Amino acid sequence: LNIKNQLHSHSLYRKSFFSVEIYDAVLNDNITSKEQFEKWLYI
């Protein structure tokens, strides 16, 4: 919820990255913050 809340208005959200990636990052790779998610998404 925190990551989605911080990124919901990002211009690339729902175009280049999606909520499914947030779920994947948190549930499978233990990502806990927006900053970690940004690194995860890049990798």
PDB file of all heavy atoms in Angstrom:
ATOM      1  N   LEU A   1       0.816  -1.214   0.000  1.00  0.00           N
ATOM      2  CA  LEU A   1       0.000   0.000   0.000  1.00  0.00           C
ATOM      3  C   LEU A   1       0.848   1.261   0.000  1.00  0.00           C
ATOM      4  O   LEU A   1       0.539   2.227  -0.711  1.00  0.00           O
ATOM      5  CB  LEU A   1      -0.957  -0.003   1.197  1.00  0.00           C
ATOM      6  CG  LEU A   1      -2.046  -1.078   1.157  1.00  0.00           C
ATOM      7  CD1 LEU A   1      -2.821  -1.089   2.465  1.00  0.00           C
ATOM      8  CD2 LEU A   1      -2.969  -0.871  -0.025  1.00  0.00           C
ATOM      9  N   ASN A   2       1.929   1.265   0.764  1.00  0.00           N
ATOM     10  CA  ASN A   2       2.807   2.441   0.806  1.00  0.00           C
ATOM     11  C   ASN A   2       3.445   2.703  -0.557  1.00  0.00           C
ATOM     12  O   ASN A   2       3.479   3.839  -1.031  1.00  0.00           O
ATOM     13  CB  ASN A   2       3.890   2.277   1.867  1.00  0.00           C
ATOM     14  CG  ASN A   2       3.358   2.418   3.273  1.00  0.00           C
ATOM     15  OD1 ASN A   2       2.292   2.990   3.505  1.00  0.00           O
ATOM     16  ND2 ASN A   2       4.089   1.870   4.229  1.00  0.00           N
ATOM     17  N   ILE A   3       3.970   1.661  -1.181  1.00  0.00           N
ATOM     18  CA  ILE A   3       4.623   1.820  -2.484  1.00  0.00           C
ATOM     19  C   ILE A   3       3.602   2.273  -3.530  1.00  0.00           C
ATOM     20  O   ILE A   3       3.850   3.213  -4.296  1.00  0.00           O
ATOM     21  CB  ILE A   3       5.335   0.519  -2.913  1.00  0.00           C
ATOM     22  CG1 ILE A   3       6.495   0.221  -1.956  1.00  0.00           C
ATOM     23  CG2 ILE A   3       5.827   0.620  -4.355  1.00  0.00           C
ATOM     24  CD1 ILE A   3       7.082  -1.178  -2.099  1.00  0.00           C
ATOM     25  N   LYS A   4       2.433   1.628  -3.561  1.00  0.00           N
ATOM     26  CA  LYS A   4       1.404   2.021  -4.525  1.00  0.00           C
ATOM     27  C   LYS A   4       0.953   3.457  -4.292  1.00  0.00           C
ATOM     28  O   LYS A   4       0.754   4.209  -5.244  1.00  0.00           O
ATOM     29  CB  LYS A   4       0.216   1.062  -4.451  1.00  0.00           C
ATOM     30  CG  LYS A   4       0.524  -0.315  -5.037  1.00  0.00           C
ATOM     31  CD  LYS A   4      -0.658  -1.250  -4.926  1.00  0.00           C
ATOM     32  CE  LYS A   4      -1.624  -0.960  -6.039  1.00  0.00           C
ATOM     33  NZ  LYS A   4      -2.705  -1.957  -6.130  1.00  0.00           N
ATOM     34  N   ASN A   5       0.815   3.840  -3.032  1.00  0.00           N
ATOM     35  CA  ASN A   5       0.402   5.206  -2.709  1.00  0.00           C
ATOM     36  C   ASN A   5       1.420   6.232  -3.202  1.00  0.00           C
ATOM     37  O   ASN A   5       1.055   7.284  -3.720  1.00  0.00           O
ATOM     38  CB  ASN A   5       0.180   5.345  -1.205  1.00  0.00           C
ATOM     39  CG  ASN A   5      -0.410   6.683  -0.839  1.00  0.00           C
ATOM     40  OD1 ASN A   5      -1.390   7.122  -1.428  1.00  0.00           O
ATOM     41  ND2 ASN A   5       0.184   7.333   0.135  1.00  0.00           N
ATOM     42  N   GLN A   6       2.698   5.927  -3.066  1.00  0.00           N
ATOM     43  CA  GLN A   6       3.748   6.853  -3.486  1.00  0.00           C
ATOM     44  C   GLN A   6       3.910   6.914  -5.007  1.00  0.00           C
ATOM     45  O   GLN A   6       4.413   7.904  -5.534  1.00  0.00           O
ATOM     46  CB  GLN A   6       5.082   6.464  -2.843  1.00  0.00           C
ATOM     47  CG  GLN A   6       5.099   6.660  -1.342  1.00  0.00           C
ATOM     48  CD  GLN A   6       6.380   6.161  -0.721  1.00  0.00           C
ATOM     49  OE1 GLN A   6       7.462   6.537  -1.165  1.00  0.00           O
ATOM     50  NE2 GLN A   6       6.270   5.312   0.276  1.00  0.00           N
ATOM     51  N   LEU A   7       3.499   5.861  -5.698  1.00  0.00           N
ATOM     52  CA  LEU A   7       3.734   5.800  -7.149  1.00  0.00           C
ATOM     53  C   LEU A   7       2.465   5.903  -7.998  1.00  0.00           C
ATOM     54  O   LEU A   7       2.551   5.933  -9.223  1.00  0.00           O
ATOM     55  CB  LEU A   7       4.463   4.496  -7.498  1.00  0.00           C
ATOM     56  CG  LEU A   7       5.889   4.387  -6.968  1.00  0.00           C
ATOM     57  CD1 LEU A   7       6.445   2.999  -7.211  1.00  0.00           C
ATOM     58  CD2 LEU A   7       6.780   5.445  -7.592  1.00  0.00           C
ATOM     59  N   HIS A   8       1.290   5.998  -7.388  1.00  0.00           N
ATOM     60  CA  HIS A   8       0.055   5.942  -8.153  1.00  0.00           C
ATOM     61  C   HIS A   8      -0.073   7.056  -9.193  1.00  0.00           C
ATOM     62  O   HIS A   8      -0.727   6.879 -10.210  1.00  0.00           O
ATOM     63  CB  HIS A   8      -1.171   5.923  -7.234  1.00  0.00           C
ATOM     64  CG  HIS A   8      -1.554   7.258  -6.692  1.00  0.00           C
ATOM     65  ND1 HIS A   8      -0.974   7.792  -5.581  1.00  0.00           N
ATOM     66  CD2 HIS A   8      -2.455   8.164  -7.127  1.00  0.00           C
ATOM     67  CE1 HIS A   8      -1.503   8.982  -5.349  1.00  0.00           C
ATOM     68  NE2 HIS A   8      -2.400   9.229  -6.270  1.00  0.00           N
ATOM     69  N   SER A   9       0.560   8.196  -8.960  1.00  0.00           N
ATOM     70  CA  SER A   9       0.458   9.289  -9.935  1.00  0.00           C
ATOM     71  C   SER A   9       1.708   9.427 -10.808  1.00  0.00           C
ATOM     72  O   SER A   9       1.813  10.387 -11.574  1.00  0.00           O
ATOM     73  CB  SER A   9       0.168  10.610  -9.211  1.00  0.00           C
ATOM     74  OG  SER A   9       1.218  10.908  -8.319  1.00  0.00           O
ATOM     75  N   HIS A  10       2.616   8.473 -10.714  1.00  0.00           N
ATOM     76  CA  HIS A  10       3.826   8.502 -11.548  1.00  0.00           C
ATOM     77  C   HIS A  10       3.426   8.354 -13.013  1.00  0.00           C
ATOM     78  O   HIS A  10       2.552   7.556 -13.358  1.00  0.00           O
ATOM     79  CB  HIS A  10       4.767   7.369 -11.138  1.00  0.00           C
ATOM     80  CG  HIS A  10       6.137   7.497 -11.712  1.00  0.00           C
ATOM     81  ND1 HIS A  10       6.410   7.231 -13.034  1.00  0.00           N
ATOM     82  CD2 HIS A  10       7.303   7.877 -11.139  1.00  0.00           C
ATOM     83  CE1 HIS A  10       7.691   7.418 -13.251  1.00  0.00           C
ATOM     84  NE2 HIS A  10       8.260   7.817 -12.126  1.00  0.00           N
ATOM     85  N   SER A  11       4.047   9.107 -13.877  1.00  0.00           N
ATOM     86  CA  SER A  11       3.663   9.115 -15.293  1.00  0.00           C
ATOM     87  C   SER A  11       3.847   7.757 -15.989  1.00  0.00           C
ATOM     88  O   SER A  11       3.185   7.485 -16.987  1.00  0.00           O
ATOM     89  CB  SER A  11       4.462  10.186 -16.047  1.00  0.00           C
ATOM     90  OG  SER A  11       5.845   9.879 -16.012  1.00  0.00           O
ATOM     91  N   LEU A  12       4.712   6.906 -15.469  1.00  0.00           N
ATOM     92  CA  LEU A  12       4.934   5.597 -16.093  1.00  0.00           C
ATOM     93  C   LEU A  12       4.088   4.475 -15.482  1.00  0.00           C
ATOM     94  O   LEU A  12       4.061   3.365 -16.005  1.00  0.00           O
ATOM     95  CB  LEU A  12       6.417   5.213 -16.016  1.00  0.00           C
ATOM     96  CG  LEU A  12       7.368   6.112 -16.806  1.00  0.00           C
ATOM     97  CD1 LEU A  12       8.813   5.675 -16.605  1.00  0.00           C
ATOM     98  CD2 LEU A  12       7.010   6.116 -18.278  1.00  0.00           C
ATOM     99  N   TYR A  13       3.412   4.779 -14.362  1.00  0.00           N
ATOM    100  CA  TYR A  13       2.582   3.766 -13.716  1.00  0.00           C
ATOM    101  C   TYR A  13       1.398   3.424 -14.616  1.00  0.00           C
ATOM    102  O   TYR A  13       0.750   4.297 -15.163  1.00  0.00           O
ATOM    103  CB  TYR A  13       2.104   4.265 -12.354  1.00  0.00           C
ATOM    104  CG  TYR A  13       1.402   3.232 -11.503  1.00  0.00           C
ATOM    105  CD1 TYR A  13       1.920   1.952 -11.338  1.00  0.00           C
ATOM    106  CD2 TYR A  13       0.224   3.541 -10.845  1.00  0.00           C
ATOM    107  CE1 TYR A  13       1.288   1.012 -10.554  1.00  0.00           C
ATOM    108  CE2 TYR A  13      -0.422   2.609 -10.051  1.00  0.00           C
ATOM    109  CZ  TYR A  13       0.115   1.351  -9.907  1.00  0.00           C
ATOM    110  OH  TYR A  13      -0.527   0.419  -9.118  1.00  0.00           O
ATOM    111  N   ARG A  14       1.160   2.154 -14.808  1.00  0.00           N
ATOM    112  CA  ARG A  14       0.127   1.604 -15.679  1.00  0.00           C
ATOM    113  C   ARG A  14       0.471   1.741 -17.158  1.00  0.00           C
ATOM    114  O   ARG A  14      -0.357   1.459 -18.010  1.00  0.00           O
ATOM    115  CB  ARG A  14      -1.259   2.205 -15.386  1.00  0.00           C
ATOM    116  CG  ARG A  14      -1.802   1.820 -14.024  1.00  0.00           C
ATOM    117  CD  ARG A  14      -3.181   2.448 -13.805  1.00  0.00           C
ATOM    118  NE  ARG A  14      -3.381   2.814 -12.431  1.00  0.00           N
ATOM    119  CZ  ARG A  14      -3.021   3.974 -11.875  1.00  0.00           C
ATOM    120  NH1 ARG A  14      -2.448   4.904 -12.581  1.00  0.00           N
ATOM    121  NH2 ARG A  14      -3.248   4.206 -10.612  1.00  0.00           N
ATOM    122  N   LYS A  15       1.674   2.216 -17.456  1.00  0.00           N
ATOM    123  CA  LYS A  15       2.137   2.289 -18.848  1.00  0.00           C
ATOM    124  C   LYS A  15       3.382   1.410 -19.026  1.00  0.00           C
ATOM    125  O   LYS A  15       3.448   0.610 -19.940  1.00  0.00           O
ATOM    126  CB  LYS A  15       2.442   3.730 -19.239  1.00  0.00           C
ATOM    127  CG  LYS A  15       1.202   4.608 -19.295  1.00  0.00           C
ATOM    128  CD  LYS A  15       1.554   6.029 -19.661  1.00  0.00           C
ATOM    129  CE  LYS A  15       0.337   6.910 -19.701  1.00  0.00           C
ATOM    130  NZ  LYS A  15      -0.133   7.345 -18.402  1.00  0.00           N
ATOM    131  N   SER A  16       4.369   1.609 -18.145  1.00  0.00           N
ATOM    132  CA  SER A  16       5.609   0.846 -18.231  1.00  0.00           C
ATOM    133  C   SER A  16       5.818  -0.088 -17.041  1.00  0.00           C
ATOM    134  O   SER A  16       6.551  -1.061 -17.132  1.00  0.00           O
ATOM    135  CB  SER A  16       6.805   1.793 -18.320  1.00  0.00           C
ATOM    136  OG  SER A  16       6.712   2.572 -19.489  1.00  0.00           O
ATOM    137  N   PHE A  17       5.209   0.239 -15.921  1.00  0.00           N
ATOM    138  CA  PHE A  17       5.213  -0.682 -14.784  1.00  0.00           C
ATOM    139  C   PHE A  17       3.827  -0.689 -14.162  1.00  0.00           C
ATOM    140  O   PHE A  17       3.062   0.254 -14.294  1.00  0.00           O
ATOM    141  CB  PHE A  17       6.309  -0.337 -13.766  1.00  0.00           C
ATOM    142  CG  PHE A  17       6.071   0.912 -12.954  1.00  0.00           C
ATOM    143  CD1 PHE A  17       5.495   0.836 -11.694  1.00  0.00           C
ATOM    144  CD2 PHE A  17       6.428   2.160 -13.441  1.00  0.00           C
ATOM    145  CE1 PHE A  17       5.282   1.990 -10.943  1.00  0.00           C
ATOM    146  CE2 PHE A  17       6.226   3.310 -12.703  1.00  0.00           C
ATOM    147  CZ  PHE A  17       5.645   3.224 -11.445  1.00  0.00           C
ATOM    148  N   PHE A  18       3.514  -1.816 -13.512  1.00  0.00           N
ATOM    149  CA  PHE A  18       2.150  -2.064 -13.071  1.00  0.00           C
ATOM    150  C   PHE A  18       2.130  -2.559 -11.624  1.00  0.00           C
ATOM    151  O   PHE A  18       3.166  -2.950 -11.076  1.00  0.00           O
ATOM    152  CB  PHE A  18       1.499  -3.108 -13.989  1.00  0.00           C
ATOM    153  CG  PHE A  18       1.524  -2.698 -15.435  1.00  0.00           C
ATOM    154  CD1 PHE A  18       2.614  -2.993 -16.245  1.00  0.00           C
ATOM    155  CD2 PHE A  18       0.475  -1.981 -15.984  1.00  0.00           C
ATOM    156  CE1 PHE A  18       2.652  -2.599 -17.572  1.00  0.00           C
ATOM    157  CE2 PHE A  18       0.494  -1.580 -17.313  1.00  0.00           C
ATOM    158  CZ  PHE A  18       1.588  -1.889 -18.107  1.00  0.00           C
ATOM    159  N   SER A  19       0.951  -2.583 -11.050  1.00  0.00           N
ATOM    160  CA  SER A  19       0.835  -3.033  -9.660  1.00  0.00           C
ATOM    161  C   SER A  19       1.313  -4.470  -9.488  1.00  0.00           C
ATOM    162  O   SER A  19       1.815  -4.834  -8.425  1.00  0.00           O
ATOM    163  CB  SER A  19      -0.593  -2.868  -9.142  1.00  0.00           C
ATOM    164  OG  SER A  19      -1.488  -3.622  -9.910  1.00  0.00           O
ATOM    165  N   VAL A  20       1.191  -5.286 -10.525  1.00  0.00           N
ATOM    166  CA  VAL A  20       1.648  -6.671 -10.426  1.00  0.00           C
ATOM    167  C   VAL A  20       3.142  -6.726 -10.081  1.00  0.00           C
ATOM    168  O   VAL A  20       3.583  -7.609  -9.352  1.00  0.00           O
ATOM    169  CB  VAL A  20       1.313  -7.472 -11.707  1.00  0.00           C
ATOM    170  CG1 VAL A  20       2.113  -6.987 -12.899  1.00  0.00           C
ATOM    171  CG2 VAL A  20       1.505  -8.946 -11.487  1.00  0.00           C
ATOM    172  N   GLU A  21       3.915  -5.758 -10.589  1.00  0.00           N
ATOM    173  CA  GLU A  21       5.336  -5.724 -10.257  1.00  0.00           C
ATOM    174  C   GLU A  21       5.547  -5.342  -8.795  1.00  0.00           C
ATOM    175  O   GLU A  21       6.471  -5.852  -8.146  1.00  0.00           O
ATOM    176  CB  GLU A  21       6.094  -4.768 -11.173  1.00  0.00           C
ATOM    177  CG  GLU A  21       6.459  -5.391 -12.491  1.00  0.00           C
ATOM    178  CD  GLU A  21       5.720  -4.809 -13.677  1.00  0.00           C
ATOM    179  OE1 GLU A  21       5.020  -3.798 -13.554  1.00  0.00           O
ATOM    180  OE2 GLU A  21       5.851  -5.405 -14.741  1.00  0.00           O
ATOM    181  N   ILE A  22       4.715  -4.472  -8.288  1.00  0.00           N
ATOM    182  CA  ILE A  22       4.826  -4.103  -6.871  1.00  0.00           C
ATOM    183  C   ILE A  22       4.545  -5.329  -6.003  1.00  0.00           C
ATOM    184  O   ILE A  22       5.295  -5.631  -5.074  1.00  0.00           O
ATOM    185  CB  ILE A  22       3.882  -2.932  -6.527  1.00  0.00           C
ATOM    186  CG1 ILE A  22       4.294  -1.683  -7.314  1.00  0.00           C
ATOM    187  CG2 ILE A  22       3.881  -2.672  -5.017  1.00  0.00           C
ATOM    188  CD1 ILE A  22       3.326  -0.516  -7.221  1.00  0.00           C
ATOM    189  N   TYR A  23       3.475  -6.048  -6.327  1.00  0.00           N
ATOM    190  CA  TYR A  23       3.160  -7.265  -5.587  1.00  0.00           C
ATOM    191  C   TYR A  23       4.307  -8.270  -5.681  1.00  0.00           C
ATOM    192  O   TYR A  23       4.707  -8.869  -4.673  1.00  0.00           O
ATOM    193  CB  TYR A  23       1.874  -7.902  -6.108  1.00  0.00           C
ATOM    194  CG  TYR A  23       0.624  -7.217  -5.628  1.00  0.00           C
ATOM    195  CD1 TYR A  23       0.081  -6.141  -6.322  1.00  0.00           C
ATOM    196  CD2 TYR A  23      -0.024  -7.633  -4.471  1.00  0.00           C
ATOM    197  CE1 TYR A  23      -1.068  -5.504  -5.884  1.00  0.00           C
ATOM    198  CE2 TYR A  23      -1.173  -7.005  -4.027  1.00  0.00           C
ATOM    199  CZ  TYR A  23      -1.691  -5.943  -4.736  1.00  0.00           C
ATOM    200  OH  TYR A  23      -2.819  -5.311  -4.291  1.00  0.00           O
ATOM    201  N   ASP A  24       4.821  -8.484  -6.864  1.00  0.00           N
ATOM    202  CA  ASP A  24       5.924  -9.425  -7.076  1.00  0.00           C
ATOM    203  C   ASP A  24       7.134  -9.027  -6.236  1.00  0.00           C
ATOM    204  O   ASP A  24       7.731  -9.856  -5.547  1.00  0.00           O
ATOM    205  CB  ASP A  24       6.277  -9.478  -8.560  1.00  0.00           C
ATOM    206  CG  ASP A  24       7.349 -10.498  -8.886  1.00  0.00           C
ATOM    207  OD1 ASP A  24       7.511 -11.486  -8.136  1.00  0.00           O
ATOM    208  OD2 ASP A  24       8.034 -10.315  -9.914  1.00  0.00           O
ATOM    209  N   ALA A  25       7.495  -7.759  -6.287  1.00  0.00           N
ATOM    210  CA  ALA A  25       8.671  -7.282  -5.561  1.00  0.00           C
ATOM    211  C   ALA A  25       8.516  -7.478  -4.050  1.00  0.00           C
ATOM    212  O   ALA A  25       9.438  -7.957  -3.377  1.00  0.00           O
ATOM    213  CB  ALA A  25       8.913  -5.804  -5.877  1.00  0.00           C
ATOM    214  N   VAL A  26       7.358  -7.110  -3.538  1.00  0.00           N
ATOM    215  CA  VAL A  26       7.137  -7.206  -2.090  1.00  0.00           C
ATOM    216  C   VAL A  26       6.995  -8.656  -1.648  1.00  0.00           C
ATOM    217  O   VAL A  26       7.643  -9.095  -0.692  1.00  0.00           O
ATOM    218  CB  VAL A  26       5.902  -6.382  -1.663  1.00  0.00           C
ATOM    219  CG1 VAL A  26       5.550  -6.626  -0.200  1.00  0.00           C
ATOM    220  CG2 VAL A  26       6.140  -4.892  -1.916  1.00  0.00           C
ATOM    221  N   LEU A  27       6.169  -9.418  -2.331  1.00  0.00           N
ATOM    222  CA  LEU A  27       5.858 -10.773  -1.883  1.00  0.00           C
ATOM    223  C   LEU A  27       6.963 -11.778  -2.161  1.00  0.00           C
ATOM    224  O   LEU A  27       7.163 -12.706  -1.380  1.00  0.00           O
ATOM    225  CB  LEU A  27       4.549 -11.247  -2.522  1.00  0.00           C
ATOM    226  CG  LEU A  27       3.314 -10.435  -2.150  1.00  0.00           C
ATOM    227  CD1 LEU A  27       2.098 -10.962  -2.891  1.00  0.00           C
ATOM    228  CD2 LEU A  27       3.081 -10.430  -0.654  1.00  0.00           C
ATOM    229  N   ASN A  28       7.677 -11.591  -3.258  1.00  0.00           N
ATOM    230  CA  ASN A  28       8.686 -12.588  -3.622  1.00  0.00           C
ATOM    231  C   ASN A  28      10.112 -12.163  -3.339  1.00  0.00           C
ATOM    232  O   ASN A  28      10.992 -13.014  -3.191  1.00  0.00           O
ATOM    233  CB  ASN A  28       8.533 -12.958  -5.100  1.00  0.00           C
ATOM    234  CG  ASN A  28       7.193 -13.608  -5.372  1.00  0.00           C
ATOM    235  OD1 ASN A  28       6.721 -14.427  -4.593  1.00  0.00           O
ATOM    236  ND2 ASN A  28       6.558 -13.236  -6.460  1.00  0.00           N
ATOM    237  N   ASP A  29      10.356 -10.854  -3.277  1.00  0.00           N
ATOM    238  CA  ASP A  29      11.729 -10.378  -3.069  1.00  0.00           C
ATOM    239  C   ASP A  29      11.865  -9.485  -1.846  1.00  0.00           C
ATOM    240  O   ASP A  29      12.888  -8.812  -1.676  1.00  0.00           O
ATOM    241  CB  ASP A  29      12.219  -9.657  -4.329  1.00  0.00           C
ATOM    242  CG  ASP A  29      12.386 -10.616  -5.497  1.00  0.00           C
ATOM    243  OD1 ASP A  29      12.815 -11.769  -5.261  1.00  0.00           O
ATOM    244  OD2 ASP A  29      12.084 -10.240  -6.634  1.00  0.00           O
ATOM    245  N   ASN A  30      10.841  -9.454  -1.008  1.00  0.00           N
ATOM    246  CA  ASN A  30      10.874  -8.734   0.279  1.00  0.00           C
ATOM    247  C   ASN A  30      11.217  -7.255   0.169  1.00  0.00           C
ATOM    248  O   ASN A  30      11.884  -6.697   1.036  1.00  0.00           O
ATOM    249  CB  ASN A  30      11.822  -9.443   1.248  1.00  0.00           C
ATOM    250  CG  ASN A  30      11.368 -10.855   1.533  1.00  0.00           C
ATOM    251  OD1 ASN A  30      10.205 -11.081   1.861  1.00  0.00           O
ATOM    252  ND2 ASN A  30      12.259 -11.808   1.379  1.00  0.00           N
ATOM    253  N   ILE A  31      10.778  -6.621  -0.889  1.00  0.00           N
ATOM    254  CA  ILE A  31      10.959  -5.176  -1.057  1.00  0.00           C
ATOM    255  C   ILE A  31       9.995  -4.482  -0.096  1.00  0.00           C
ATOM    256  O   ILE A  31       8.842  -4.864   0.028  1.00  0.00           O
ATOM    257  CB  ILE A  31      10.676  -4.770  -2.519  1.00  0.00           C
ATOM    258  CG1 ILE A  31      11.658  -5.460  -3.467  1.00  0.00           C
ATOM    259  CG2 ILE A  31      10.683  -3.260  -2.693  1.00  0.00           C
ATOM    260  CD1 ILE A  31      13.121  -5.203  -3.195  1.00  0.00           C
ATOM    261  N   THR A  32      10.487  -3.429   0.588  1.00  0.00           N
ATOM    262  CA  THR A  32       9.659  -2.775   1.607  1.00  0.00           C
ATOM    263  C   THR A  32       9.494  -1.276   1.410  1.00  0.00           C
ATOM    264  O   THR A  32       8.753  -0.648   2.154  1.00  0.00           O
ATOM    265  CB  THR A  32      10.233  -3.017   3.013  1.00  0.00           C
ATOM    266  OG1 THR A  32      11.559  -2.480   3.070  1.00  0.00           O
ATOM    267  CG2 THR A  32      10.243  -4.500   3.367  1.00  0.00           C
ATOM    268  N   SER A  33      10.182  -0.690   0.426  1.00  0.00           N
ATOM    269  CA  SER A  33      10.104   0.761   0.262  1.00  0.00           C
ATOM    270  C   SER A  33      10.081   1.138  -1.216  1.00  0.00           C
ATOM    271  O   SER A  33      10.458   0.344  -2.082  1.00  0.00           O
ATOM    272  CB  SER A  33      11.303   1.443   0.921  1.00  0.00           C
ATOM    273  OG  SER A  33      12.488   1.166   0.193  1.00  0.00           O
ATOM    274  N   LYS A  34       9.664   2.359  -1.478  1.00  0.00           N
ATOM    275  CA  LYS A  34       9.646   2.885  -2.844  1.00  0.00           C
ATOM    276  C   LYS A  34      11.055   2.876  -3.436  1.00  0.00           C
ATOM    277  O   LYS A  34      11.245   2.503  -4.590  1.00  0.00           O
ATOM    278  CB  LYS A  34       9.076   4.303  -2.838  1.00  0.00           C
ATOM    279  CG  LYS A  34       9.137   5.009  -4.171  1.00  0.00           C
ATOM    280  CD  LYS A  34       8.630   6.446  -4.027  1.00  0.00           C
ATOM    281  CE  LYS A  34       8.986   7.265  -5.219  1.00  0.00           C
ATOM    282  NZ  LYS A  34      10.120   8.148  -5.010  1.00  0.00           N
ATOM    283  N   GLU A  35      12.028   3.274  -2.650  1.00  0.00           N
ATOM    284  CA  GLU A  35      13.416   3.319  -3.138  1.00  0.00           C
ATOM    285  C   GLU A  35      13.907   1.923  -3.515  1.00  0.00           C
ATOM    286  O   GLU A  35      14.546   1.741  -4.556  1.00  0.00           O
ATOM    287  CB  GLU A  35      14.329   3.953  -2.081  1.00  0.00           C
ATOM    288  CG  GLU A  35      14.035   5.422  -1.818  1.00  0.00           C
ATOM    289  CD  GLU A  35      12.760   5.675  -0.994  1.00  0.00           C
ATOM    290  OE1 GLU A  35      12.317   4.764  -0.259  1.00  0.00           O
ATOM    291  OE2 GLU A  35      12.193   6.778  -1.110  1.00  0.00           O
ATOM    292  N   GLN A  36      13.621   0.942  -2.670  1.00  0.00           N
ATOM    293  CA  GLN A  36      14.001  -0.433  -2.990  1.00  0.00           C
ATOM    294  C   GLN A  36      13.277  -0.916  -4.243  1.00  0.00           C
ATOM    295  O   GLN A  36      13.863  -1.613  -5.078  1.00  0.00           O
ATOM    296  CB  GLN A  36      13.673  -1.370  -1.825  1.00  0.00           C
ATOM    297  CG  GLN A  36      14.554  -1.207  -0.619  1.00  0.00           C
ATOM    298  CD  GLN A  36      14.123  -2.131   0.504  1.00  0.00           C
ATOM    299  OE1 GLN A  36      12.971  -2.560   0.581  1.00  0.00           O
ATOM    300  NE2 GLN A  36      15.061  -2.431   1.393  1.00  0.00           N
ATOM    301  N   PHE A  37      11.999  -0.546  -4.372  1.00  0.00           N
ATOM    302  CA  PHE A  37      11.234  -0.959  -5.549  1.00  0.00           C
ATOM    303  C   PHE A  37      11.831  -0.349  -6.807  1.00  0.00           C
ATOM    304  O   PHE A  37      11.916  -1.026  -7.843  1.00  0.00           O
ATOM    305  CB  PHE A  37       9.755  -0.579  -5.410  1.00  0.00           C
ATOM    306  CG  PHE A  37       8.966  -0.919  -6.641  1.00  0.00           C
ATOM    307  CD1 PHE A  37       8.683  -2.240  -6.958  1.00  0.00           C
ATOM    308  CD2 PHE A  37       8.532   0.076  -7.503  1.00  0.00           C
ATOM    309  CE1 PHE A  37       7.972  -2.570  -8.114  1.00  0.00           C
ATOM    310  CE2 PHE A  37       7.815  -0.241  -8.651  1.00  0.00           C
ATOM    311  CZ  PHE A  37       7.540  -1.561  -8.956  1.00  0.00           C
ATOM    312  N   GLU A  38      12.220   0.915  -6.759  1.00  0.00           N
ATOM    313  CA  GLU A  38      12.824   1.553  -7.927  1.00  0.00           C
ATOM    314  C   GLU A  38      14.081   0.805  -8.353  1.00  0.00           C
ATOM    315  O   GLU A  38      14.287   0.570  -9.546  1.00  0.00           O
ATOM    316  CB  GLU A  38      13.146   3.011  -7.624  1.00  0.00           C
ATOM    317  CG  GLU A  38      11.904   3.872  -7.528  1.00  0.00           C
ATOM    318  CD  GLU A  38      12.184   5.285  -7.038  1.00  0.00           C
ATOM    319  OE1 GLU A  38      13.285   5.544  -6.494  1.00  0.00           O
ATOM    320  OE2 GLU A  38      11.286   6.128  -7.185  1.00  0.00           O
ATOM    321  N   LYS A  39      14.926   0.388  -7.407  1.00  0.00           N
ATOM    322  CA  LYS A  39      16.133  -0.402  -7.724  1.00  0.00           C
ATOM    323  C   LYS A  39      15.735  -1.763  -8.287  1.00  0.00           C
ATOM    324  O   LYS A  39      16.326  -2.236  -9.267  1.00  0.00           O
ATOM    325  CB  LYS A  39      17.001  -0.568  -6.481  1.00  0.00           C
ATOM    326  CG  LYS A  39      17.669   0.704  -6.031  1.00  0.00           C
ATOM    327  CD  LYS A  39      18.462   0.482  -4.763  1.00  0.00           C
ATOM    328  CE  LYS A  39      18.966   1.800  -4.210  1.00  0.00           C
ATOM    329  NZ  LYS A  39      19.633   1.649  -2.913  1.00  0.00           N
ATOM    330  N   TRP A  40      14.753  -2.397  -7.666  1.00  0.00           N
ATOM    331  CA  TRP A  40      14.270  -3.704  -8.103  1.00  0.00           C
ATOM    332  C   TRP A  40      13.765  -3.620  -9.538  1.00  0.00           C
ATOM    333  O   TRP A  40      14.085  -4.468 -10.367  1.00  0.00           O
ATOM    334  CB  TRP A  40      13.157  -4.166  -7.155  1.00  0.00           C
ATOM    335  CG  TRP A  40      12.559  -5.497  -7.454  1.00  0.00           C
ATOM    336  CD1 TRP A  40      12.935  -6.699  -6.924  1.00  0.00           C
ATOM    337  CD2 TRP A  40      11.458  -5.782  -8.333  1.00  0.00           C
ATOM    338  NE1 TRP A  40      12.134  -7.703  -7.421  1.00  0.00           N
ATOM    339  CE2 TRP A  40      11.217  -7.169  -8.290  1.00  0.00           C
ATOM    340  CE3 TRP A  40      10.646  -4.994  -9.154  1.00  0.00           C
ATOM    341  CZ2 TRP A  40      10.217  -7.783  -9.035  1.00  0.00           C
ATOM    342  CZ3 TRP A  40       9.650  -5.603  -9.898  1.00  0.00           C
ATOM    343  CH2 TRP A  40       9.440  -6.987  -9.830  1.00  0.00           C
ATOM    344  N   LEU A  41      12.990  -2.588  -9.843  1.00  0.00           N
ATOM    345  CA  LEU A  41      12.423  -2.406 -11.172  1.00  0.00           C
ATOM    346  C   LEU A  41      13.532  -2.212 -12.214  1.00  0.00           C
ATOM    347  O   LEU A  41      13.452  -2.736 -13.326  1.00  0.00           O
ATOM    348  CB  LEU A  41      11.465  -1.214 -11.164  1.00  0.00           C
ATOM    349  CG  LEU A  41      10.492  -1.060 -12.309  1.00  0.00           C
ATOM    350  CD1 LEU A  41       9.607  -2.300 -12.447  1.00  0.00           C
ATOM    351  CD2 LEU A  41       9.642   0.157 -12.106  1.00  0.00           C
ATOM    352  N   TYR A  42      14.569  -1.488 -11.847  1.00  0.00           N
ATOM    353  CA  TYR A  42      15.683  -1.279 -12.758  1.00  0.00           C
ATOM    354  C   TYR A  42      16.418  -2.592 -13.032  1.00  0.00           C
ATOM    355  O   TYR A  42      16.733  -2.926 -14.180  1.00  0.00           O
ATOM    356  CB  TYR A  42      16.651  -0.238 -12.214  1.00  0.00           C
ATOM    357  CG  TYR A  42      17.785   0.058 -13.165  1.00  0.00           C
ATOM    358  CD1 TYR A  42      17.571   0.796 -14.330  1.00  0.00           C
ATOM    359  CD2 TYR A  42      19.060  -0.449 -12.925  1.00  0.00           C
ATOM    360  CE1 TYR A  42      18.609   1.030 -15.216  1.00  0.00           C
ATOM    361  CE2 TYR A  42      20.095  -0.220 -13.812  1.00  0.00           C
ATOM    362  CZ  TYR A  42      19.861   0.521 -14.954  1.00  0.00           C
ATOM    363  OH  TYR A  42      20.884   0.748 -15.849  1.00  0.00           O
ATOM    364  N   ILE A  43      16.644  -3.370 -11.975  1.00  0.00           N
ATOM    365  CA  ILE A  43      17.345  -4.661 -12.127  1.00  0.00           C
ATOM    366  C   ILE A  43      16.498  -5.646 -12.922  1.00  0.00           C
ATOM    367  O   ILE A  43      16.988  -6.314 -13.828  1.00  0.00           O
ATOM    368  CB  ILE A  43      17.706  -5.240 -10.742  1.00  0.00           C
ATOM    369  CG1 ILE A  43      18.797  -4.383 -10.088  1.00  0.00           C
ATOM    370  CG2 ILE A  43      18.150  -6.694 -10.853  1.00  0.00           C
ATOM    371  CD1 ILE A  43      19.010  -4.660  -8.605  1.00  0.00           C
TER     372      ILE A  43
END
